[in-house]
Protein backbone atom coordinates (compact mmCIF):
# COMPACT_ATOMS: atom_id res chain seq x y z
CA MET A 1 10.68 4.26 -67.43
CA SER A 2 10.09 5.85 -64.05
CA THR A 3 13.43 7.65 -64.09
CA LEU A 4 12.66 9.12 -67.50
CA ALA A 5 9.30 10.42 -66.30
CA LEU A 6 10.71 12.24 -63.27
CA PRO A 7 12.21 15.22 -65.12
CA ASP A 8 8.94 15.78 -66.98
CA GLN A 9 7.02 15.66 -63.74
CA GLN A 10 9.48 18.06 -62.16
CA ILE A 11 9.15 20.46 -65.08
CA ARG A 12 5.37 20.30 -64.84
CA VAL A 13 5.49 20.99 -61.11
CA GLU A 14 7.84 23.94 -61.53
CA THR A 15 5.75 25.34 -64.37
CA SER A 16 2.53 25.13 -62.39
CA SER A 17 4.14 26.78 -59.38
CA ALA A 18 5.45 29.57 -61.59
CA GLN A 19 1.98 30.03 -63.04
CA ARG A 20 0.59 30.36 -59.52
CA THR A 21 3.20 32.88 -58.37
CA ALA A 22 3.22 35.07 -61.49
CA PRO A 23 -0.29 36.54 -61.03
CA THR A 24 0.44 37.06 -57.34
CA GLY A 25 3.59 38.97 -58.19
CA ARG A 26 1.78 41.11 -60.72
CA ALA A 27 -1.02 41.81 -58.24
CA GLY A 28 1.50 42.85 -55.61
CA ALA A 29 3.25 45.16 -58.07
CA THR A 30 -0.09 46.71 -59.02
CA ILE A 31 -0.97 47.31 -55.36
CA ARG A 32 2.42 48.88 -54.65
CA LYS A 33 2.13 51.10 -57.73
CA THR A 34 -1.37 52.22 -56.71
CA LEU A 35 -0.27 52.99 -53.15
CA TYR A 36 2.73 54.94 -54.42
CA ARG A 37 0.59 57.05 -56.74
CA SER A 38 -1.92 57.67 -53.95
CA GLY A 39 0.76 58.58 -51.41
CA ALA A 40 0.53 62.34 -51.96
CA ILE A 41 -3.26 62.35 -51.58
CA ILE A 42 -3.12 60.17 -48.45
CA GLY A 43 -0.45 62.46 -46.99
CA PHE A 44 -2.55 65.55 -47.71
CA LEU A 45 -5.60 64.00 -46.03
CA LEU A 46 -3.53 63.08 -42.97
CA VAL A 47 -2.21 66.63 -42.71
CA TRP A 48 -5.77 67.95 -43.01
CA GLU A 49 -6.86 65.65 -40.17
CA LEU A 50 -3.94 66.19 -37.79
CA ILE A 51 -3.06 69.88 -38.08
CA PRO A 52 -6.48 71.27 -36.99
CA GLN A 53 -6.57 68.88 -34.03
CA PHE A 54 -3.05 69.33 -32.64
CA LEU A 55 -1.59 72.55 -34.04
CA LEU A 56 -4.47 75.00 -34.32
CA GLU A 57 -6.12 76.91 -31.52
CA PRO A 58 -9.83 76.25 -30.91
CA ALA A 59 -10.76 79.60 -32.49
CA SER A 60 -8.82 78.79 -35.66
CA LYS A 61 -10.16 75.25 -35.72
CA VAL A 62 -13.60 76.68 -36.45
CA PHE A 63 -12.38 77.92 -39.84
CA LEU A 64 -10.43 74.75 -40.67
CA PRO A 65 -12.21 71.73 -39.17
CA PRO A 66 -10.46 68.35 -39.21
CA LEU A 67 -11.18 65.95 -42.01
CA HIS A 68 -13.38 63.60 -39.98
CA GLU A 69 -15.86 66.41 -39.23
CA VAL A 70 -16.05 67.27 -42.93
CA LEU A 71 -16.60 63.61 -43.83
CA GLN A 72 -19.33 63.34 -41.20
CA GLN A 73 -21.10 66.34 -42.69
CA LEU A 74 -20.63 64.90 -46.17
CA TRP A 75 -22.24 61.63 -45.08
CA LYS A 76 -25.19 63.49 -43.55
CA MET A 77 -25.81 65.29 -46.83
CA ILE A 78 -25.56 62.02 -48.74
CA VAL A 79 -28.06 60.29 -46.45
CA SER A 80 -30.51 63.19 -46.54
CA GLY A 81 -30.30 63.43 -50.34
CA ASP A 82 -29.35 67.10 -50.19
CA LEU A 83 -25.98 66.50 -51.83
CA LEU A 84 -27.49 64.50 -54.68
CA THR A 85 -29.85 67.39 -55.47
CA HIS A 86 -26.99 69.86 -55.80
CA ILE A 87 -24.80 67.43 -57.77
CA SER A 88 -27.62 66.73 -60.19
CA ALA A 89 -28.18 70.44 -60.77
CA SER A 90 -24.50 71.10 -61.43
CA LEU A 91 -23.97 68.03 -63.59
CA GLY A 92 -27.05 68.80 -65.68
CA ARG A 93 -25.87 72.31 -66.48
CA SER A 94 -22.28 71.22 -67.11
CA ALA A 95 -23.32 68.31 -69.33
CA ILE A 96 -25.56 70.45 -71.55
CA GLY A 97 -22.96 73.17 -72.03
CA PHE A 98 -20.15 70.65 -72.50
CA LEU A 99 -22.04 68.60 -75.10
CA LEU A 100 -23.00 71.75 -77.00
CA ALA A 101 -19.32 72.76 -77.02
CA LEU A 102 -18.41 69.37 -78.51
CA VAL A 103 -21.18 69.44 -81.12
CA ILE A 104 -20.18 72.93 -82.25
CA GLY A 105 -16.44 73.00 -81.55
CA VAL A 106 -15.29 69.81 -83.29
CA PRO A 107 -17.00 70.45 -86.68
CA VAL A 108 -16.01 74.12 -86.69
CA GLY A 109 -12.42 73.23 -85.81
CA LEU A 110 -12.23 70.65 -88.60
CA VAL A 111 -13.65 73.13 -91.14
CA VAL A 112 -11.23 75.87 -90.05
CA ALA A 113 -8.29 73.47 -90.25
CA TRP A 114 -9.30 71.95 -93.59
CA PHE A 115 -10.11 75.22 -95.39
CA SER A 116 -7.16 77.55 -94.94
CA ARG A 117 -8.97 80.67 -96.17
CA ILE A 118 -11.69 80.28 -93.56
CA GLY A 119 -9.02 79.76 -90.93
CA ASP A 120 -7.12 82.89 -91.95
CA PHE A 121 -10.34 84.91 -91.84
CA LEU A 122 -11.56 83.67 -88.44
CA ASN A 123 -8.22 83.36 -86.64
CA PRO A 124 -7.97 86.99 -85.37
CA LEU A 125 -11.50 86.85 -83.93
CA LEU A 126 -10.85 83.46 -82.35
CA GLU A 127 -7.68 84.77 -80.72
CA VAL A 128 -9.57 87.70 -79.21
CA PHE A 129 -12.23 85.50 -77.62
CA ARG A 130 -9.76 82.79 -76.65
CA ASN A 131 -7.83 85.26 -74.52
CA THR A 132 -10.98 86.60 -72.85
CA ALA A 133 -11.63 84.65 -69.66
CA ALA A 134 -15.09 83.17 -69.30
CA LEU A 135 -15.51 84.54 -65.78
CA ALA A 136 -14.77 88.04 -67.08
CA LEU A 137 -17.89 87.71 -69.24
CA LEU A 138 -20.06 86.33 -66.44
CA PRO A 139 -21.66 89.74 -65.73
CA VAL A 140 -22.43 90.11 -69.44
CA PHE A 141 -24.15 86.72 -69.61
CA THR A 142 -26.04 87.48 -66.40
CA LEU A 143 -27.26 90.89 -67.63
CA THR A 144 -28.26 89.73 -71.10
CA LEU A 145 -29.57 86.22 -70.34
CA GLY A 146 -30.74 86.61 -66.74
CA ILE A 147 -29.77 84.61 -63.67
CA GLY A 148 -31.59 81.47 -64.75
CA GLU A 149 -30.37 78.28 -66.39
CA LEU A 150 -29.68 79.83 -69.80
CA SER A 151 -26.89 82.10 -68.60
CA LYS A 152 -25.16 79.27 -66.72
CA VAL A 153 -25.34 76.84 -69.62
CA THR A 154 -24.10 79.54 -71.99
CA ILE A 155 -21.05 80.40 -69.91
CA VAL A 156 -20.19 76.69 -69.67
CA LEU A 157 -20.54 76.47 -73.45
CA TYR A 158 -18.23 79.46 -73.87
CA ALA A 159 -15.61 78.09 -71.48
CA ALA A 160 -15.60 74.61 -73.01
CA PHE A 161 -15.86 75.68 -76.65
CA PHE A 162 -12.40 77.13 -77.18
CA PRO A 163 -10.30 74.25 -75.79
CA VAL A 164 -12.24 71.88 -78.06
CA LEU A 165 -12.03 74.20 -81.07
CA LEU A 166 -8.33 75.05 -80.81
CA ASN A 167 -7.19 71.48 -80.15
CA THR A 168 -9.32 70.25 -83.04
CA ILE A 169 -7.64 72.76 -85.34
CA LEU A 170 -4.22 71.79 -84.00
CA GLY A 171 -4.93 68.08 -84.36
CA ALA A 172 -6.20 68.36 -87.93
CA ARG A 173 -3.29 70.56 -89.02
CA SER A 174 -0.65 68.34 -87.40
CA VAL A 175 -1.51 65.24 -89.44
CA ASP A 176 1.56 63.85 -91.19
CA PRO A 177 1.48 65.06 -94.84
CA LEU A 178 2.88 61.69 -95.89
CA LEU A 179 -0.36 60.05 -94.75
CA ILE A 180 -2.41 62.45 -96.86
CA ARG A 181 -0.21 61.89 -99.91
CA ALA A 182 -0.43 58.14 -99.37
CA GLY A 183 -4.21 58.40 -99.32
CA LYS A 184 -4.22 60.35 -102.57
CA THR A 185 -1.89 57.77 -104.10
CA LEU A 186 -4.38 55.05 -103.17
CA GLY A 187 -7.09 56.94 -105.02
CA LEU A 188 -9.03 58.37 -102.06
CA ASN A 189 -11.05 61.50 -102.69
CA ASN A 190 -11.00 64.52 -100.40
CA PHE A 191 -13.91 63.34 -98.26
CA GLU A 192 -12.35 59.88 -97.80
CA ILE A 193 -8.99 61.40 -96.90
CA PHE A 194 -10.71 63.68 -94.40
CA SER A 195 -12.81 60.91 -92.80
CA LYS A 196 -10.31 58.03 -92.95
CA VAL A 197 -6.98 59.81 -92.50
CA VAL A 198 -7.27 63.29 -91.02
CA LEU A 199 -10.03 62.70 -88.49
CA PRO A 200 -8.63 59.46 -86.94
CA ALA A 201 -5.13 60.94 -86.75
CA SER A 202 -6.52 64.02 -84.96
CA VAL A 203 -8.34 62.09 -82.22
CA PRO A 204 -5.55 62.12 -79.54
CA ILE A 205 -5.08 65.89 -79.73
CA ILE A 206 -8.83 66.52 -79.95
CA PHE A 207 -9.34 64.52 -76.76
CA THR A 208 -6.73 66.63 -75.02
CA GLY A 209 -8.95 69.62 -75.73
CA ILE A 210 -12.02 67.67 -74.61
CA ARG A 211 -10.38 66.91 -71.27
CA MET A 212 -9.47 70.57 -70.81
CA ALA A 213 -13.03 71.52 -71.74
CA GLY A 214 -14.48 69.07 -69.21
CA THR A 215 -12.42 70.61 -66.41
CA SER A 216 -13.32 74.15 -67.49
CA ALA A 217 -17.01 73.25 -67.68
CA VAL A 218 -17.08 72.15 -64.04
CA LEU A 219 -14.95 74.96 -62.60
CA VAL A 220 -16.64 77.80 -64.48
CA LEU A 221 -20.08 76.52 -63.58
CA ILE A 222 -19.20 76.41 -59.87
CA ALA A 223 -18.25 80.09 -60.07
CA ALA A 224 -21.42 80.92 -62.01
CA GLU A 225 -23.59 79.11 -59.46
CA MET A 226 -22.23 81.34 -56.74
CA ILE A 227 -24.26 84.19 -58.26
CA GLY A 228 -28.03 83.91 -58.42
CA ALA A 229 -28.48 80.14 -58.25
CA LYS A 230 -30.90 78.22 -56.04
CA ALA A 231 -29.22 74.83 -56.37
CA GLY A 232 -25.84 73.45 -57.35
CA LEU A 233 -22.48 72.91 -55.71
CA GLY A 234 -21.44 76.54 -56.17
CA TYR A 235 -24.63 77.68 -54.46
CA LEU A 236 -24.04 75.12 -51.69
CA ILE A 237 -20.54 76.48 -51.05
CA THR A 238 -21.55 80.13 -50.84
CA ASN A 239 -24.73 79.43 -48.87
CA SER A 240 -22.83 77.34 -46.33
CA GLN A 241 -20.20 80.04 -45.97
CA ALA A 242 -22.82 82.74 -45.49
CA SER A 243 -24.63 80.59 -42.89
CA PHE A 244 -21.29 79.87 -41.16
CA LEU A 245 -21.71 76.12 -41.73
CA ILE A 246 -18.00 75.63 -42.25
CA PRO A 247 -17.85 71.78 -42.30
CA LYS A 248 -20.67 71.78 -44.84
CA MET A 249 -18.77 74.28 -46.98
CA TYR A 250 -15.65 72.10 -46.97
CA ALA A 251 -17.77 69.04 -47.74
CA ALA A 252 -19.10 70.81 -50.84
CA ILE A 253 -15.57 71.81 -51.88
CA LEU A 254 -14.40 68.21 -51.43
CA THR A 255 -17.32 67.06 -53.57
CA VAL A 256 -16.26 69.44 -56.35
CA ALA A 257 -12.72 68.03 -56.23
CA ILE A 258 -13.98 64.44 -56.40
CA LEU A 259 -16.39 65.31 -59.21
CA GLY A 260 -13.62 66.91 -61.25
CA PHE A 261 -11.41 63.86 -60.72
CA VAL A 262 -14.18 61.50 -61.85
CA VAL A 263 -14.96 63.57 -64.94
CA ASN A 264 -11.29 63.64 -65.93
CA ALA A 265 -10.93 59.88 -65.38
CA ALA A 266 -13.99 59.20 -67.53
CA LEU A 267 -12.62 61.36 -70.35
CA VAL A 268 -9.23 59.63 -70.12
CA ALA A 269 -10.98 56.26 -70.45
CA LEU A 270 -12.85 57.50 -73.53
CA GLU A 271 -9.61 58.82 -75.00
CA ARG A 272 -7.95 55.43 -74.56
CA HIS A 273 -10.93 53.72 -76.16
CA PHE A 274 -10.93 55.92 -79.26
CA SER A 275 -7.12 56.00 -79.53
CA ARG A 276 -6.49 52.26 -79.40
CA TRP A 277 -4.99 52.31 -82.90
CA ALA A 278 -2.38 54.88 -81.85
CA ARG A 279 -1.15 52.71 -78.96
CA ALA A 280 -1.10 49.67 -81.22
């Protein structure tokens, strides 16, 4: 009896050891993958730290301080609360303009894509405005709407609107016709086909436009805040440059980069959440 039980015991021991090592192996692979993907950023930060210290002359080092001085200045602004004030101002303006672009752009894009006559009528005008850069219209918004919050929110709305609109049109028009015919065969009316077939199938492409709009909303606002603003990351950059506070200027620029990365990561997470059916 004991000899017959030994193989089972051995199998159980080997199985348990495999169960212990499998998660460890997966964790190690995940760590290696993360380090590999972060290698370029780590290398860039090392170059930023080392070149000003060892390769630049003291006079040139003033205009390109090493990374540790920038991080020290960034920490000072975090502790004092100054950075949070400027981030809140920029995020508030970007969020309002971005959300307005979504609320207007997605429905308009779906209507233009669904009704071909409306699309044919509006397409020339949309092409004209799509090819007009938002920053080229910044003086127009400033002259007509003033230098207050309204002009900044409006230019963010303009910059974010067209990526959302055009990708919504593209997504709705690229739905497989077989899916639409299958819906009609099942007895769905036009509204049901639109809500249950066209709209879900358009989500991945629509979110591509939303991600582009999120990036545009942040970048255009930073440029707008450099003119006539009293708070915001764009104002912080130009004010620091004018006051010759170079580490503070680079700290603000680094904050903009981190903010853009976080916004894009959040939109990617939302895209994965709403596109689970496509991956399945």
